[in-house]
Each structure stands twice: as structure tokens, then as C-alpha cells.
Amino acid sequence: MKLLNRSALSVKPTQAFVDWINSLESEGEGGEDLALEDVNQESTVYLIPEMDTREALDGFVSERWLDVLESELRAWEEDTRHWPEPMDKALFERFLTVEHSYLAVDLDDEAPLEVSEVDDELLADLD
């Protein structure tokens, strides 16, 4: 077990986010609507600098909310013309819930951590 020098944000979509996803699907092939439970199985964890107070966390989220929102939207729709507007903090708060963990622990004793830059192609390959 290894203690990482990071905190973490767990980001989960809200029903409003799922409704947006379903509106995209209704424009296409017309499959079955996704449920919030389905989408929450694919929540994202973002490692962030160590934070030890709520104020520090709030400050970090205030600086990076747009990066997180764009990453979450891009995971479902690459074409930014289909993204909801306006892209503001209110949309972030309506579309996503954020939970904070002060500690991040790596339980994998076998494989070393690997670092890869995240780009649009990587996110598209996860779909």
C-alpha cells in the first residue's frame, strides 16, 4: 500500500446531466434512455493537490471547475456545438456532484503508477 501525495475529487453526474445525455441520444438512433444509476457506474476520480481544509478545496474547485465540466461533457459528446449553454459555474453545479477525499491510497502493490497525459483522443477511446 502506498499513500499518494494527492487528494481526490470524485465527480458524479446528476439527473440533469443524464437528461442532457439522453437528449443527445434522441437526436441519433433513438435507443433506450440511460438511467442515472447506469451513468454513475462510470464516475470519474480526479487526483488533485493535497487539500487539508474545505476552504482550500473550494478554492481549487473554483479555479478548475471548467476543466472538469469540459472533461465530463467530452466523455459523452466530442462536438462542442452540442454542449449545453451557458458554460458557467451554475451548469457545473447542476450537472455534477463533487465529493472530496483528503487521502489517496494506492492498494496495488504489484504495478507501479504510470503517468499519461489526457487528451481528447484518449477520452474518446473510453466510450
N, C-alpha and C. Protein backbone atom coordinates (compact mmCIF):
# COMPACT_ATOMS: atom_id res chain seq x y z
N MET A 1 0.83 -1.17 0.00
CA MET A 1 0.00 0.00 0.00
C MET A 1 0.89 1.25 0.00
N LYS A 2 0.49 2.22 -0.83
CA LYS A 2 1.26 3.46 -0.92
C LYS A 2 0.33 4.64 -0.74
N LEU A 3 0.70 5.54 0.16
CA LEU A 3 -0.03 6.79 0.34
C LEU A 3 0.46 7.77 -0.71
N LEU A 4 -0.45 8.27 -1.54
CA LEU A 4 -0.09 9.22 -2.59
C LEU A 4 -0.15 10.63 -2.03
N ASN A 5 0.70 11.48 -2.53
CA ASN A 5 0.67 12.87 -2.07
C ASN A 5 -0.36 13.66 -2.87
N ARG A 6 -1.58 13.16 -2.84
CA ARG A 6 -2.69 13.77 -3.55
C ARG A 6 -3.96 13.62 -2.72
N SER A 7 -4.89 14.51 -2.97
CA SER A 7 -6.27 14.34 -2.54
C SER A 7 -7.04 13.92 -3.80
N ALA A 8 -8.33 13.71 -3.66
CA ALA A 8 -9.10 13.26 -4.82
C ALA A 8 -10.48 13.92 -4.85
N LEU A 9 -10.97 14.14 -6.06
CA LEU A 9 -12.34 14.56 -6.28
C LEU A 9 -13.05 13.44 -7.02
N SER A 10 -14.15 12.98 -6.46
CA SER A 10 -14.99 12.02 -7.15
C SER A 10 -16.15 12.80 -7.75
N VAL A 11 -16.28 12.72 -9.07
CA VAL A 11 -17.29 13.51 -9.78
C VAL A 11 -18.34 12.57 -10.33
N LYS A 12 -19.59 12.85 -9.95
CA LYS A 12 -20.71 12.03 -10.42
C LYS A 12 -21.75 12.90 -11.10
N PRO A 13 -22.31 12.41 -12.20
CA PRO A 13 -23.34 13.17 -12.89
C PRO A 13 -24.64 13.21 -12.08
N THR A 14 -25.40 14.25 -12.30
CA THR A 14 -26.73 14.37 -11.71
C THR A 14 -27.77 13.94 -12.75
N GLN A 15 -29.02 13.94 -12.35
CA GLN A 15 -30.09 13.61 -13.29
C GLN A 15 -30.13 14.61 -14.44
N ALA A 16 -29.82 15.87 -14.17
CA ALA A 16 -29.80 16.88 -15.24
C ALA A 16 -28.76 16.52 -16.31
N PHE A 17 -27.61 16.02 -15.89
CA PHE A 17 -26.58 15.60 -16.84
C PHE A 17 -27.08 14.41 -17.66
N VAL A 18 -27.71 13.46 -17.00
CA VAL A 18 -28.24 12.29 -17.70
C VAL A 18 -29.33 12.70 -18.69
N ASP A 19 -30.15 13.65 -18.30
CA ASP A 19 -31.18 14.15 -19.23
C ASP A 19 -30.53 14.74 -20.48
N TRP A 20 -29.43 15.48 -20.29
CA TRP A 20 -28.70 16.03 -21.44
C TRP A 20 -28.15 14.90 -22.32
N ILE A 21 -27.55 13.88 -21.71
CA ILE A 21 -27.05 12.73 -22.47
C ILE A 21 -28.18 12.10 -23.28
N ASN A 22 -29.31 11.90 -22.63
CA ASN A 22 -30.44 11.28 -23.32
C ASN A 22 -30.97 12.16 -24.45
N SER A 23 -30.86 13.47 -24.31
CA SER A 23 -31.30 14.35 -25.39
C SER A 23 -30.39 14.20 -26.60
N LEU A 24 -29.11 13.90 -26.37
CA LEU A 24 -28.18 13.65 -27.48
C LEU A 24 -28.56 12.37 -28.19
N GLU A 25 -28.87 11.35 -27.41
CA GLU A 25 -29.22 10.05 -27.98
C GLU A 25 -30.53 10.12 -28.76
N SER A 26 -31.48 10.95 -28.30
CA SER A 26 -32.75 11.03 -29.01
C SER A 26 -32.60 11.67 -30.38
N GLU A 27 -31.50 12.46 -30.55
CA GLU A 27 -31.23 13.05 -31.86
C GLU A 27 -30.66 12.01 -32.82
N GLY A 28 -30.14 10.91 -32.29
CA GLY A 28 -29.49 9.89 -33.11
C GLY A 28 -30.40 8.73 -33.38
N GLU A 29 -29.96 7.55 -32.94
CA GLU A 29 -30.62 6.30 -33.31
C GLU A 29 -31.90 6.03 -32.53
N GLY A 30 -32.13 6.73 -31.42
CA GLY A 30 -33.37 6.52 -30.69
C GLY A 30 -33.36 5.27 -29.84
N GLY A 31 -32.24 4.95 -29.20
CA GLY A 31 -32.18 3.79 -28.32
C GLY A 31 -32.86 4.08 -26.99
N GLU A 32 -32.66 3.17 -26.05
CA GLU A 32 -33.26 3.31 -24.73
C GLU A 32 -32.54 4.39 -23.93
N ASP A 33 -33.30 5.15 -23.15
CA ASP A 33 -32.72 6.19 -22.32
C ASP A 33 -31.84 5.57 -21.23
N LEU A 34 -30.75 6.28 -20.92
CA LEU A 34 -29.89 5.87 -19.82
C LEU A 34 -30.51 6.33 -18.51
N ALA A 35 -30.24 5.59 -17.45
CA ALA A 35 -30.69 5.96 -16.11
C ALA A 35 -29.49 6.52 -15.34
N LEU A 36 -29.77 7.29 -14.33
CA LEU A 36 -28.72 7.87 -13.51
C LEU A 36 -27.82 6.78 -12.93
N GLU A 37 -28.40 5.68 -12.52
CA GLU A 37 -27.61 4.57 -11.96
C GLU A 37 -26.61 4.02 -12.98
N ASP A 38 -27.01 3.96 -14.25
CA ASP A 38 -26.12 3.47 -15.30
C ASP A 38 -24.93 4.40 -15.47
N VAL A 39 -25.20 5.68 -15.53
CA VAL A 39 -24.14 6.66 -15.77
C VAL A 39 -23.21 6.76 -14.56
N ASN A 40 -23.75 6.65 -13.36
CA ASN A 40 -22.93 6.75 -12.16
C ASN A 40 -21.95 5.59 -12.01
N GLN A 41 -22.14 4.52 -12.74
CA GLN A 41 -21.17 3.42 -12.72
C GLN A 41 -19.87 3.84 -13.39
N GLU A 42 -19.89 4.93 -14.10
CA GLU A 42 -18.71 5.41 -14.82
C GLU A 42 -18.22 6.74 -14.26
N SER A 43 -18.37 6.95 -12.96
CA SER A 43 -17.93 8.22 -12.37
C SER A 43 -16.41 8.35 -12.47
N THR A 44 -15.94 9.58 -12.41
CA THR A 44 -14.53 9.88 -12.60
C THR A 44 -13.92 10.34 -11.29
N VAL A 45 -12.68 9.92 -11.05
CA VAL A 45 -11.91 10.39 -9.91
C VAL A 45 -10.75 11.21 -10.45
N TYR A 46 -10.64 12.44 -9.95
CA TYR A 46 -9.56 13.33 -10.33
C TYR A 46 -8.61 13.47 -9.15
N LEU A 47 -7.35 13.15 -9.36
CA LEU A 47 -6.35 13.40 -8.34
C LEU A 47 -5.98 14.88 -8.38
N ILE A 48 -5.93 15.48 -7.22
CA ILE A 48 -5.66 16.91 -7.11
C ILE A 48 -4.56 17.12 -6.07
N PRO A 49 -4.00 18.32 -5.99
CA PRO A 49 -3.02 18.57 -4.94
C PRO A 49 -3.62 18.29 -3.56
N GLU A 50 -2.78 17.94 -2.62
CA GLU A 50 -3.26 17.67 -1.27
C GLU A 50 -4.00 18.89 -0.72
N MET A 51 -5.18 18.63 -0.20
CA MET A 51 -6.01 19.68 0.40
C MET A 51 -6.35 19.24 1.81
N ASP A 52 -6.19 20.14 2.76
CA ASP A 52 -6.50 19.73 4.13
C ASP A 52 -7.60 20.57 4.77
N THR A 53 -8.19 21.48 4.00
CA THR A 53 -9.32 22.25 4.52
C THR A 53 -10.39 22.37 3.45
N ARG A 54 -11.60 22.60 3.88
CA ARG A 54 -12.71 22.80 2.96
C ARG A 54 -12.50 24.06 2.11
N GLU A 55 -11.90 25.08 2.74
CA GLU A 55 -11.64 26.34 2.03
C GLU A 55 -10.66 26.12 0.87
N ALA A 56 -9.62 25.33 1.12
CA ALA A 56 -8.65 25.04 0.06
C ALA A 56 -9.32 24.28 -1.08
N LEU A 57 -10.16 23.31 -0.73
CA LEU A 57 -10.88 22.54 -1.75
C LEU A 57 -11.79 23.46 -2.57
N ASP A 58 -12.56 24.28 -1.88
CA ASP A 58 -13.48 25.19 -2.59
C ASP A 58 -12.71 26.12 -3.52
N GLY A 59 -11.55 26.59 -3.07
CA GLY A 59 -10.72 27.45 -3.91
C GLY A 59 -10.23 26.72 -5.15
N PHE A 60 -9.81 25.47 -4.97
CA PHE A 60 -9.32 24.68 -6.10
C PHE A 60 -10.45 24.43 -7.11
N VAL A 61 -11.61 24.04 -6.61
CA VAL A 61 -12.74 23.77 -7.50
C VAL A 61 -13.15 25.05 -8.21
N SER A 62 -13.09 26.19 -7.54
CA SER A 62 -13.42 27.47 -8.17
C SER A 62 -12.48 27.79 -9.32
N GLU A 63 -11.23 27.33 -9.23
CA GLU A 63 -10.27 27.56 -10.30
C GLU A 63 -10.38 26.55 -11.44
N ARG A 64 -10.82 25.32 -11.15
CA ARG A 64 -10.73 24.25 -12.14
C ARG A 64 -12.08 23.67 -12.59
N TRP A 65 -13.19 24.24 -12.16
CA TRP A 65 -14.49 23.67 -12.46
C TRP A 65 -14.71 23.53 -13.97
N LEU A 66 -14.24 24.49 -14.76
CA LEU A 66 -14.47 24.42 -16.20
C LEU A 66 -13.71 23.25 -16.83
N ASP A 67 -12.49 22.99 -16.37
CA ASP A 67 -11.73 21.84 -16.88
C ASP A 67 -12.47 20.53 -16.60
N VAL A 68 -13.00 20.41 -15.40
CA VAL A 68 -13.72 19.19 -15.01
C VAL A 68 -15.00 19.07 -15.83
N LEU A 69 -15.76 20.14 -15.93
CA LEU A 69 -17.01 20.10 -16.69
C LEU A 69 -16.76 19.73 -18.15
N GLU A 70 -15.77 20.35 -18.77
CA GLU A 70 -15.47 20.04 -20.17
C GLU A 70 -15.04 18.59 -20.34
N SER A 71 -14.27 18.08 -19.42
CA SER A 71 -13.84 16.68 -19.48
C SER A 71 -15.03 15.74 -19.40
N GLU A 72 -15.96 16.04 -18.50
CA GLU A 72 -17.14 15.18 -18.34
C GLU A 72 -18.06 15.26 -19.55
N LEU A 73 -18.24 16.45 -20.10
CA LEU A 73 -19.08 16.59 -21.30
C LEU A 73 -18.44 15.89 -22.49
N ARG A 74 -17.12 16.06 -22.64
CA ARG A 74 -16.41 15.47 -23.77
C ARG A 74 -16.46 13.94 -23.75
N ALA A 75 -16.54 13.37 -22.56
CA ALA A 75 -16.63 11.91 -22.47
C ALA A 75 -17.91 11.39 -23.13
N TRP A 76 -18.92 12.24 -23.25
CA TRP A 76 -20.19 11.82 -23.86
C TRP A 76 -20.42 12.42 -25.23
N GLU A 77 -19.85 13.61 -25.48
CA GLU A 77 -20.06 14.27 -26.76
C GLU A 77 -18.84 15.12 -27.10
N GLU A 78 -18.16 14.75 -28.16
CA GLU A 78 -16.95 15.48 -28.57
C GLU A 78 -17.27 16.80 -29.24
N ASP A 79 -18.37 16.88 -29.94
CA ASP A 79 -18.73 18.08 -30.69
C ASP A 79 -19.26 19.14 -29.72
N THR A 80 -18.47 20.16 -29.49
CA THR A 80 -18.83 21.18 -28.51
C THR A 80 -20.08 21.98 -28.91
N ARG A 81 -20.48 21.89 -30.17
CA ARG A 81 -21.71 22.58 -30.60
C ARG A 81 -22.94 21.98 -29.95
N HIS A 82 -22.83 20.73 -29.45
CA HIS A 82 -23.95 20.07 -28.80
C HIS A 82 -23.92 20.21 -27.28
N TRP A 83 -22.93 20.91 -26.77
CA TRP A 83 -22.82 21.10 -25.32
C TRP A 83 -23.86 22.12 -24.86
N PRO A 84 -24.32 21.96 -23.64
CA PRO A 84 -25.31 22.91 -23.12
C PRO A 84 -24.68 24.29 -22.91
N GLU A 85 -25.51 25.29 -22.95
CA GLU A 85 -25.06 26.66 -22.73
C GLU A 85 -25.97 27.32 -21.70
N PRO A 86 -25.47 28.29 -20.99
CA PRO A 86 -24.09 28.77 -20.98
C PRO A 86 -23.20 27.85 -20.15
N MET A 87 -21.93 27.80 -20.51
CA MET A 87 -20.94 27.01 -19.78
C MET A 87 -20.48 27.84 -18.57
N ASP A 88 -21.26 27.78 -17.52
CA ASP A 88 -20.95 28.58 -16.34
C ASP A 88 -20.93 27.69 -15.10
N LYS A 89 -20.57 28.28 -13.99
CA LYS A 89 -20.46 27.52 -12.73
C LYS A 89 -21.81 26.95 -12.32
N ALA A 90 -22.89 27.64 -12.65
CA ALA A 90 -24.23 27.13 -12.33
C ALA A 90 -24.49 25.81 -13.07
N LEU A 91 -24.05 25.71 -14.32
CA LEU A 91 -24.20 24.46 -15.07
C LEU A 91 -23.38 23.36 -14.42
N PHE A 92 -22.15 23.67 -14.04
CA PHE A 92 -21.29 22.71 -13.35
C PHE A 92 -22.00 22.16 -12.11
N GLU A 93 -22.56 23.05 -11.31
CA GLU A 93 -23.23 22.63 -10.08
C GLU A 93 -24.52 21.88 -10.35
N ARG A 94 -25.20 22.19 -11.45
CA ARG A 94 -26.43 21.49 -11.80
C ARG A 94 -26.15 20.11 -12.39
N PHE A 95 -25.04 19.97 -13.11
CA PHE A 95 -24.73 18.73 -13.81
C PHE A 95 -23.90 17.73 -13.01
N LEU A 96 -23.14 18.19 -12.02
CA LEU A 96 -22.18 17.31 -11.36
C LEU A 96 -22.23 17.46 -9.84
N THR A 97 -22.06 16.35 -9.14
CA THR A 97 -21.82 16.38 -7.70
C THR A 97 -20.37 16.02 -7.48
N VAL A 98 -19.75 16.69 -6.53
CA VAL A 98 -18.33 16.51 -6.26
C VAL A 98 -18.16 16.08 -4.82
N GLU A 99 -17.46 14.97 -4.63
CA GLU A 99 -17.11 14.51 -3.29
C GLU A 99 -15.60 14.55 -3.16
N HIS A 100 -15.13 14.93 -1.99
CA HIS A 100 -13.70 15.11 -1.75
C HIS A 100 -13.17 14.05 -0.81
N SER A 101 -12.00 13.52 -1.13
CA SER A 101 -11.27 12.62 -0.24
C SER A 101 -9.92 13.26 0.06
N TYR A 102 -9.60 13.37 1.33
CA TYR A 102 -8.34 14.01 1.72
C TYR A 102 -7.14 13.12 1.41
N LEU A 103 -7.33 11.81 1.46
CA LEU A 103 -6.23 10.88 1.23
C LEU A 103 -6.48 10.05 -0.02
N ALA A 104 -5.41 9.76 -0.74
CA ALA A 104 -5.47 8.85 -1.87
C ALA A 104 -4.44 7.76 -1.60
N VAL A 105 -4.90 6.51 -1.63
CA VAL A 105 -4.04 5.38 -1.31
C VAL A 105 -4.04 4.42 -2.50
N ASP A 106 -2.86 4.00 -2.90
CA ASP A 106 -2.71 3.02 -3.98
C ASP A 106 -2.61 1.64 -3.35
N LEU A 107 -3.59 0.80 -3.57
CA LEU A 107 -3.61 -0.55 -3.00
C LEU A 107 -2.90 -1.58 -3.86
N ASP A 108 -2.46 -1.19 -5.04
CA ASP A 108 -1.79 -2.12 -5.94
C ASP A 108 -0.30 -2.19 -5.59
N ASP A 109 0.10 -3.28 -4.96
CA ASP A 109 1.50 -3.46 -4.58
C ASP A 109 2.35 -3.99 -5.73
N GLU A 110 1.70 -4.40 -6.80
CA GLU A 110 2.41 -5.04 -7.91
C GLU A 110 2.89 -4.03 -8.96
N ALA A 111 1.94 -3.33 -9.55
CA ALA A 111 2.27 -2.46 -10.70
C ALA A 111 2.62 -1.06 -10.23
N PRO A 112 3.67 -0.48 -10.80
CA PRO A 112 3.99 0.91 -10.46
C PRO A 112 2.99 1.86 -11.11
N LEU A 113 2.85 3.03 -10.53
CA LEU A 113 1.99 4.05 -11.13
C LEU A 113 2.60 4.51 -12.43
N GLU A 114 1.75 4.72 -13.42
CA GLU A 114 2.19 5.25 -14.70
C GLU A 114 1.46 6.55 -14.94
N VAL A 115 2.13 7.48 -15.55
CA VAL A 115 1.55 8.78 -15.84
C VAL A 115 1.37 8.91 -17.35
N SER A 116 0.17 9.31 -17.76
CA SER A 116 -0.12 9.57 -19.16
C SER A 116 -0.85 10.89 -19.24
N GLU A 117 -0.53 11.67 -20.25
CA GLU A 117 -1.26 12.91 -20.48
C GLU A 117 -2.64 12.57 -21.02
N VAL A 118 -3.64 13.28 -20.57
CA VAL A 118 -5.01 13.07 -21.03
C VAL A 118 -5.23 13.97 -22.23
N ASP A 119 -5.76 13.38 -23.29
CA ASP A 119 -6.12 14.18 -24.45
C ASP A 119 -7.47 13.73 -24.95
N ASP A 120 -8.02 14.47 -25.89
CA ASP A 120 -9.35 14.19 -26.40
C ASP A 120 -9.46 12.80 -26.99
N GLU A 121 -8.42 12.32 -27.65
CA GLU A 121 -8.47 11.00 -28.28
C GLU A 121 -8.58 9.90 -27.22
N LEU A 122 -7.86 10.06 -26.12
CA LEU A 122 -7.92 9.07 -25.04
C LEU A 122 -9.33 8.99 -24.48
N LEU A 123 -9.94 10.15 -24.24
CA LEU A 123 -11.30 10.15 -23.71
C LEU A 123 -12.28 9.54 -24.71
N ALA A 124 -12.10 9.81 -25.97
CA ALA A 124 -12.99 9.25 -26.99
C ALA A 124 -12.87 7.73 -27.05
N ASP A 125 -11.65 7.21 -26.83
CA ASP A 125 -11.45 5.76 -26.87
C ASP A 125 -12.13 5.05 -25.72
N LEU A 126 -12.48 5.77 -24.65
CA LEU A 126 -13.11 5.15 -23.49
C LEU A 126 -14.59 4.91 -23.72
N ASP A 127 -15.17 5.58 -24.71
CA ASP A 127 -16.62 5.45 -24.96
C ASP A 127 -16.98 4.06 -25.42
